[in-house]
């Protein structure tokens, strides 16, 4: 595996873990989340990081497996 791909995968993993941490001891209700601007913005930013990392991986390895991606 390319070293850059490993770094990007680590970025994806870290972003997911951070998003999960935002919801520790937080009610899992969309109506509450929707009104929480700060938490919503943080989740949006982490989603952007995941997307950018995946795009960079695909530029390096076009056939990188994405089993849960929609075609």
PDB file of N, CA and C in Angstrom:
ATOM      1  N   UNK A   1       0.851  -1.180   0.000  1.00  0.00           N
ATOM      2  CA  UNK A   1       0.000   0.000   0.000  1.00  0.00           C
ATOM      3  C   UNK A   1       0.893   1.238   0.000  1.00  0.00           C
ATOM      4  N   UNK A   2       0.510   2.186  -0.779  1.00  0.00           N
ATOM      5  CA  UNK A   2       1.205   3.469  -0.849  1.00  0.00           C
ATOM      6  C   UNK A   2       1.156   4.158   0.521  1.00  0.00           C
ATOM      7  N   UNK A   3       2.256   4.764   0.918  1.00  0.00           N
ATOM      8  CA  UNK A   3       2.309   5.438   2.225  1.00  0.00           C
ATOM      9  C   UNK A   3       1.255   6.541   2.341  1.00  0.00           C
ATOM     10  N   UNK A   4       1.017   7.254   1.254  1.00  0.00           N
ATOM     11  CA  UNK A   4       0.011   8.317   1.284  1.00  0.00           C
ATOM     12  C   UNK A   4      -1.385   7.745   1.541  1.00  0.00           C
ATOM     13  N   UNK A   5      -1.666   6.612   0.941  1.00  0.00           N
ATOM     14  CA  UNK A   5      -2.978   5.981   1.150  1.00  0.00           C
ATOM     15  C   UNK A   5      -3.152   5.639   2.621  1.00  0.00           C
ATOM     16  N   UNK A   6      -2.121   5.113   3.245  1.00  0.00           N
ATOM     17  CA  UNK A   6      -2.201   4.786   4.672  1.00  0.00           C
ATOM     18  C   UNK A   6      -2.481   6.036   5.502  1.00  0.00           C
ATOM     19  N   UNK A   7      -1.858   7.137   5.158  1.00  0.00           N
ATOM     20  CA  UNK A   7      -2.090   8.396   5.887  1.00  0.00           C
ATOM     21  C   UNK A   7      -3.525   8.866   5.684  1.00  0.00           C
ATOM     22  N   UNK A   8      -4.003   8.791   4.456  1.00  0.00           N
ATOM     23  CA  UNK A   8      -5.382   9.226   4.181  1.00  0.00           C
ATOM     24  C   UNK A   8      -6.394   8.330   4.891  1.00  0.00           C
ATOM     25  N   UNK A   9      -6.125   7.034   4.929  1.00  0.00           N
ATOM     26  CA  UNK A   9      -7.024   6.128   5.656  1.00  0.00           C
ATOM     27  C   UNK A   9      -7.021   6.448   7.152  1.00  0.00           C
ATOM     28  N   UNK A  10      -5.865   6.797   7.674  1.00  0.00           N
ATOM     29  CA  UNK A  10      -5.788   7.207   9.077  1.00  0.00           C
ATOM     30  C   UNK A  10      -6.613   8.478   9.303  1.00  0.00           C
ATOM     31  N   UNK A  11      -6.545   9.417   8.363  1.00  0.00           N
ATOM     32  CA  UNK A  11      -7.349  10.646   8.469  1.00  0.00           C
ATOM     33  C   UNK A  11      -8.839  10.324   8.498  1.00  0.00           C
ATOM     34  N   UNK A  12      -9.262   9.385   7.659  1.00  0.00           N
ATOM     35  CA  UNK A  12     -10.669   8.966   7.629  1.00  0.00           C
ATOM     36  C   UNK A  12     -11.052   8.361   8.970  1.00  0.00           C
ATOM     37  N   UNK A  13     -10.221   7.455   9.462  1.00  0.00           N
ATOM     38  CA  UNK A  13     -10.504   6.801  10.743  1.00  0.00           C
ATOM     39  C   UNK A  13     -10.596   7.821  11.876  1.00  0.00           C
ATOM     40  N   UNK A  14      -9.644   8.743  11.914  1.00  0.00           N
ATOM     41  CA  UNK A  14      -9.631   9.748  12.974  1.00  0.00           C
ATOM     42  C   UNK A  14     -10.864  10.660  12.889  1.00  0.00           C
ATOM     43  N   UNK A  15     -11.256  11.044  11.683  1.00  0.00           N
ATOM     44  CA  UNK A  15     -12.432  11.895  11.516  1.00  0.00           C
ATOM     45  C   UNK A  15     -13.693  11.182  12.002  1.00  0.00           C
ATOM     46  N   UNK A  16     -13.814   9.905  11.684  1.00  0.00           N
ATOM     47  CA  UNK A  16     -14.973   9.126  12.127  1.00  0.00           C
ATOM     48  C   UNK A  16     -15.001   9.029  13.647  1.00  0.00           C
ATOM     49  N   UNK A  17     -13.852   8.748  14.239  1.00  0.00           N
ATOM     50  CA  UNK A  17     -13.789   8.649  15.703  1.00  0.00           C
ATOM     51  C   UNK A  17     -14.145   9.982  16.367  1.00  0.00           C
ATOM     52  N   UNK A  18     -13.712  11.079  15.773  1.00  0.00           N
ATOM     53  CA  UNK A  18     -14.032  12.381  16.342  1.00  0.00           C
ATOM     54  C   UNK A  18     -15.530  12.669  16.251  1.00  0.00           C
ATOM     55  N   UNK A  19     -16.134  12.332  15.130  1.00  0.00           N
ATOM     56  CA  UNK A  19     -17.581  12.525  14.998  1.00  0.00           C
ATOM     57  C   UNK A  19     -18.306  11.688  16.039  1.00  0.00           C
ATOM     58  N   UNK A  20     -17.884  10.449  16.208  1.00  0.00           N
ATOM     59  CA  UNK A  20     -18.513   9.597  17.224  1.00  0.00           C
ATOM     60  C   UNK A  20     -18.372  10.210  18.611  1.00  0.00           C
ATOM     61  N   UNK A  21     -17.236  10.827  18.882  1.00  0.00           N
ATOM     62  CA  UNK A  21     -17.028  11.431  20.211  1.00  0.00           C
ATOM     63  C   UNK A  21     -17.949  12.633  20.443  1.00  0.00           C
ATOM     64  N   UNK A  22     -18.371  13.281  19.382  1.00  0.00           N
ATOM     65  CA  UNK A  22     -19.281  14.427  19.523  1.00  0.00           C
ATOM     66  C   UNK A  22     -20.639  14.006  20.089  1.00  0.00           C
ATOM     67  N   UNK A  23     -20.935  12.719  19.987  1.00  0.00           N
ATOM     68  CA  UNK A  23     -22.255  12.241  20.384  1.00  0.00           C
ATOM     69  C   UNK A  23     -22.243  11.379  21.639  1.00  0.00           C
ATOM     70  N   UNK A  24     -21.120  11.342  22.316  1.00  0.00           N
ATOM     71  CA  UNK A  24     -21.074  10.649  23.604  1.00  0.00           C
ATOM     72  C   UNK A  24     -21.923  11.449  24.583  1.00  0.00           C
ATOM     73  N   UNK A  25     -22.813  10.796  25.262  1.00  0.00           N
ATOM     74  CA  UNK A  25     -23.718  11.455  26.219  1.00  0.00           C
ATOM     75  C   UNK A  25     -24.554  12.549  25.559  1.00  0.00           C
ATOM     76  N   UNK A  26     -24.927  12.343  24.319  1.00  0.00           N
ATOM     77  CA  UNK A  26     -25.748  13.299  23.580  1.00  0.00           C
ATOM     78  C   UNK A  26     -26.964  12.550  23.053  1.00  0.00           C
ATOM     79  N   UNK A  27     -28.148  13.124  23.184  1.00  0.00           N
ATOM     80  CA  UNK A  27     -29.341  12.415  22.695  1.00  0.00           C
ATOM     81  C   UNK A  27     -29.276  12.217  21.181  1.00  0.00           C
ATOM     82  N   UNK A  28     -29.502  11.007  20.750  1.00  0.00           N
ATOM     83  CA  UNK A  28     -29.434  10.674  19.329  1.00  0.00           C
ATOM     84  C   UNK A  28     -30.771  10.973  18.656  1.00  0.00           C
ATOM     85  N   UNK A  29     -31.062  12.267  18.585  1.00  0.00           N
ATOM     86  CA  UNK A  29     -32.307  12.717  17.942  1.00  0.00           C
ATOM     87  C   UNK A  29     -31.960  13.810  16.950  1.00  0.00           C
ATOM     88  N   UNK A  30     -32.457  13.636  15.735  1.00  0.00           N
ATOM     89  CA  UNK A  30     -32.122  14.592  14.682  1.00  0.00           C
ATOM     90  C   UNK A  30     -32.646  15.986  14.985  1.00  0.00           C
ATOM     91  N   UNK A  31     -33.828  16.088  15.564  1.00  0.00           N
ATOM     92  CA  UNK A  31     -34.398  17.412  15.821  1.00  0.00           C
ATOM     93  C   UNK A  31     -33.532  18.229  16.782  1.00  0.00           C
ATOM     94  N   UNK A  32     -32.861  17.563  17.702  1.00  0.00           N
ATOM     95  CA  UNK A  32     -31.957  18.247  18.629  1.00  0.00           C
ATOM     96  C   UNK A  32     -30.649  18.585  17.901  1.00  0.00           C
ATOM     97  N   UNK A  33     -30.135  17.633  17.169  1.00  0.00           N
ATOM     98  CA  UNK A  33     -28.899  17.839  16.414  1.00  0.00           C
ATOM     99  C   UNK A  33     -29.051  18.986  15.420  1.00  0.00           C
ATOM    100  N   UNK A  34     -30.191  19.043  14.770  1.00  0.00           N
ATOM    101  CA  UNK A  34     -30.444  20.051  13.743  1.00  0.00           C
ATOM    102  C   UNK A  34     -30.313  21.476  14.299  1.00  0.00           C
ATOM    103  N   UNK A  35     -30.650  21.662  15.550  1.00  0.00           N
ATOM    104  CA  UNK A  35     -30.608  22.985  16.179  1.00  0.00           C
ATOM    105  C   UNK A  35     -29.235  23.310  16.786  1.00  0.00           C
ATOM    106  N   UNK A  36     -28.362  22.313  16.840  1.00  0.00           N
ATOM    107  CA  UNK A  36     -27.042  22.486  17.444  1.00  0.00           C
ATOM    108  C   UNK A  36     -26.037  22.889  16.360  1.00  0.00           C
ATOM    109  N   UNK A  37     -25.944  24.195  16.112  1.00  0.00           N
ATOM    110  CA  UNK A  37     -25.125  24.698  15.012  1.00  0.00           C
ATOM    111  C   UNK A  37     -23.666  24.275  15.139  1.00  0.00           C
ATOM    112  N   UNK A  38     -23.110  24.371  16.317  1.00  0.00           N
ATOM    113  CA  UNK A  38     -21.698  24.052  16.516  1.00  0.00           C
ATOM    114  C   UNK A  38     -21.420  22.577  16.198  1.00  0.00           C
ATOM    115  N   UNK A  39     -22.231  21.693  16.720  1.00  0.00           N
ATOM    116  CA  UNK A  39     -22.043  20.248  16.486  1.00  0.00           C
ATOM    117  C   UNK A  39     -22.270  19.922  15.008  1.00  0.00           C
ATOM    118  N   UNK A  40     -23.279  20.523  14.423  1.00  0.00           N
ATOM    119  CA  UNK A  40     -23.576  20.303  13.004  1.00  0.00           C
ATOM    120  C   UNK A  40     -22.398  20.739  12.129  1.00  0.00           C
ATOM    121  N   UNK A  41     -21.839  21.896  12.440  1.00  0.00           N
ATOM    122  CA  UNK A  41     -20.701  22.405  11.670  1.00  0.00           C
ATOM    123  C   UNK A  41     -19.496  21.490  11.811  1.00  0.00           C
ATOM    124  N   UNK A  42     -19.273  20.982  13.008  1.00  0.00           N
ATOM    125  CA  UNK A  42     -18.147  20.078  13.230  1.00  0.00           C
ATOM    126  C   UNK A  42     -18.320  18.786  12.426  1.00  0.00           C
ATOM    127  N   UNK A  43     -19.513  18.247  12.408  1.00  0.00           N
ATOM    128  CA  UNK A  43     -19.782  17.026  11.644  1.00  0.00           C
ATOM    129  C   UNK A  43     -19.603  17.294  10.150  1.00  0.00           C
ATOM    130  N   UNK A  44     -20.083  18.438   9.674  1.00  0.00           N
ATOM    131  CA  UNK A  44     -19.911  18.785   8.259  1.00  0.00           C
ATOM    132  C   UNK A  44     -18.430  18.857   7.898  1.00  0.00           C
ATOM    133  N   UNK A  45     -17.636  19.470   8.735  1.00  0.00           N
ATOM    134  CA  UNK A  45     -16.199  19.604   8.463  1.00  0.00           C
ATOM    135  C   UNK A  45     -15.528  18.240   8.420  1.00  0.00           C
ATOM    136  N   UNK A  46     -15.857  17.378   9.363  1.00  0.00           N
ATOM    137  CA  UNK A  46     -15.253  16.044   9.373  1.00  0.00           C
ATOM    138  C   UNK A  46     -15.693  15.237   8.154  1.00  0.00           C
ATOM    139  N   UNK A  47     -16.919  15.447   7.700  1.00  0.00           N
ATOM    140  CA  UNK A  47     -17.398  14.774   6.492  1.00  0.00           C
ATOM    141  C   UNK A  47     -16.612  15.250   5.280  1.00  0.00           C
ATOM    142  N   UNK A  48     -16.304  16.540   5.237  1.00  0.00           N
ATOM    143  CA  UNK A  48     -15.478  17.067   4.156  1.00  0.00           C
ATOM    144  C   UNK A  48     -14.087  16.441   4.175  1.00  0.00           C
ATOM    145  N   UNK A  49     -13.526  16.273   5.353  1.00  0.00           N
ATOM    146  CA  UNK A  49     -12.205  15.654   5.485  1.00  0.00           C
ATOM    147  C   UNK A  49     -12.227  14.227   4.959  1.00  0.00           C
ATOM    148  N   UNK A  50     -13.268  13.485   5.310  1.00  0.00           N
ATOM    149  CA  UNK A  50     -13.399  12.102   4.823  1.00  0.00           C
ATOM    150  C   UNK A  50     -13.491  12.097   3.297  1.00  0.00           C
ATOM    151  N   UNK A  51     -14.325  12.951   2.748  1.00  0.00           N
ATOM    152  CA  UNK A  51     -14.490  13.007   1.295  1.00  0.00           C
ATOM    153  C   UNK A  51     -13.200  13.371   0.577  1.00  0.00           C
ATOM    154  N   UNK A  52     -12.486  14.347   1.102  1.00  0.00           N
ATOM    155  CA  UNK A  52     -11.232  14.757   0.487  1.00  0.00           C
ATOM    156  C   UNK A  52     -10.198  13.640   0.563  1.00  0.00           C
ATOM    157  N   UNK A  53     -10.129  12.962   1.687  1.00  0.00           N
ATOM    158  CA  UNK A  53      -9.174  11.854   1.824  1.00  0.00           C
ATOM    159  C   UNK A  53      -9.491  10.736   0.827  1.00  0.00           C
ATOM    160  N   UNK A  54     -10.751  10.408   0.688  1.00  0.00           N
ATOM    161  CA  UNK A  54     -11.144   9.358  -0.267  1.00  0.00           C
ATOM    162  C   UNK A  54     -10.815   9.789  -1.693  1.00  0.00           C
ATOM    163  N   UNK A  55     -11.089  11.046  -2.027  1.00  0.00           N
ATOM    164  CA  UNK A  55     -10.746  11.535  -3.373  1.00  0.00           C
ATOM    165  C   UNK A  55      -9.251  11.436  -3.638  1.00  0.00           C
ATOM    166  N   UNK A  56      -8.441  11.761  -2.661  1.00  0.00           N
ATOM    167  CA  UNK A  56      -6.991  11.683  -2.838  1.00  0.00           C
ATOM    168  C   UNK A  56      -6.529  10.238  -2.987  1.00  0.00           C
ATOM    169  N   UNK A  57      -7.157   9.342  -2.230  1.00  0.00           N
ATOM    170  CA  UNK A  57      -6.833   7.921  -2.378  1.00  0.00           C
ATOM    171  C   UNK A  57      -7.146   7.461  -3.795  1.00  0.00           C
ATOM    172  N   UNK A  58      -8.303   7.857  -4.302  1.00  0.00           N
ATOM    173  CA  UNK A  58      -8.715   7.415  -5.639  1.00  0.00           C
ATOM    174  C   UNK A  58      -7.838   8.015  -6.739  1.00  0.00           C
ATOM    175  N   UNK A  59      -7.231   9.156  -6.492  1.00  0.00           N
ATOM    176  CA  UNK A  59      -6.290   9.712  -7.472  1.00  0.00           C
ATOM    177  C   UNK A  59      -5.008   8.887  -7.527  1.00  0.00           C
ATOM    178  N   UNK A  60      -4.643   8.292  -6.408  1.00  0.00           N
ATOM    179  CA  UNK A  60      -3.434   7.466  -6.350  1.00  0.00           C
ATOM    180  C   UNK A  60      -3.724   6.062  -6.877  1.00  0.00           C
ATOM    181  N   UNK A  61      -4.848   5.495  -6.430  1.00  0.00           N
ATOM    182  CA  UNK A  61      -5.214   4.120  -6.809  1.00  0.00           C
ATOM    183  C   UNK A  61      -6.673   4.124  -7.244  1.00  0.00           C
ATOM    184  N   UNK A  62      -6.882   4.179  -8.545  1.00  0.00           N
ATOM    185  CA  UNK A  62      -8.234   4.299  -9.106  1.00  0.00           C
ATOM    186  C   UNK A  62      -9.160   3.147  -8.752  1.00  0.00           C
ATOM    187  N   UNK A  63      -8.597   1.971  -8.531  1.00  0.00           N
ATOM    188  CA  UNK A  63      -9.427   0.794  -8.252  1.00  0.00           C
ATOM    189  C   UNK A  63      -9.456   0.460  -6.757  1.00  0.00           C
ATOM    190  N   UNK A  64      -9.211   1.450  -5.905  1.00  0.00           N
ATOM    191  CA  UNK A  64      -9.227   1.201  -4.465  1.00  0.00           C
ATOM    192  C   UNK A  64     -10.604   0.685  -4.056  1.00  0.00           C
ATOM    193  N   UNK A  65     -10.670  -0.434  -3.319  1.00  0.00           N
ATOM    194  CA  UNK A  65     -11.971  -1.021  -2.979  1.00  0.00           C
ATOM    195  C   UNK A  65     -12.786  -0.110  -2.058  1.00  0.00           C
ATOM    196  N   UNK A  66     -14.046   0.061  -2.417  1.00  0.00           N
ATOM    197  CA  UNK A  66     -14.989   0.841  -1.611  1.00  0.00           C
ATOM    198  C   UNK A  66     -16.281   0.040  -1.503  1.00  0.00           C
ATOM    199  N   UNK A  67     -16.300  -0.951  -0.630  1.00  0.00           N
ATOM    200  CA  UNK A  67     -17.437  -1.878  -0.600  1.00  0.00           C
ATOM    201  C   UNK A  67     -18.770  -1.239  -0.256  1.00  0.00           C
ATOM    202  N   UNK A  68     -18.788  -0.144   0.469  1.00  0.00           N
ATOM    203  CA  UNK A  68     -20.057   0.473   0.852  1.00  0.00           C
ATOM    204  C   UNK A  68     -20.418   1.709   0.042  1.00  0.00           C
ATOM    205  N   UNK A  69     -19.630   1.989  -1.003  1.00  0.00           N
ATOM    206  CA  UNK A  69     -19.886   3.172  -1.828  1.00  0.00           C
ATOM    207  C   UNK A  69     -20.959   2.871  -2.852  1.00  0.00           C
ATOM    208  N   UNK A  70     -21.768   3.879  -3.122  1.00  0.00           N
ATOM    209  CA  UNK A  70     -22.774   3.734  -4.176  1.00  0.00           C
ATOM    210  C   UNK A  70     -22.101   3.991  -5.526  1.00  0.00           C
ATOM    211  N   UNK A  71     -22.495   3.236  -6.551  1.00  0.00           N
ATOM    212  CA  UNK A  71     -21.866   3.423  -7.881  1.00  0.00           C
ATOM    213  C   UNK A  71     -22.238   4.739  -8.517  1.00  0.00           C
TER     214      UNK A  71
END
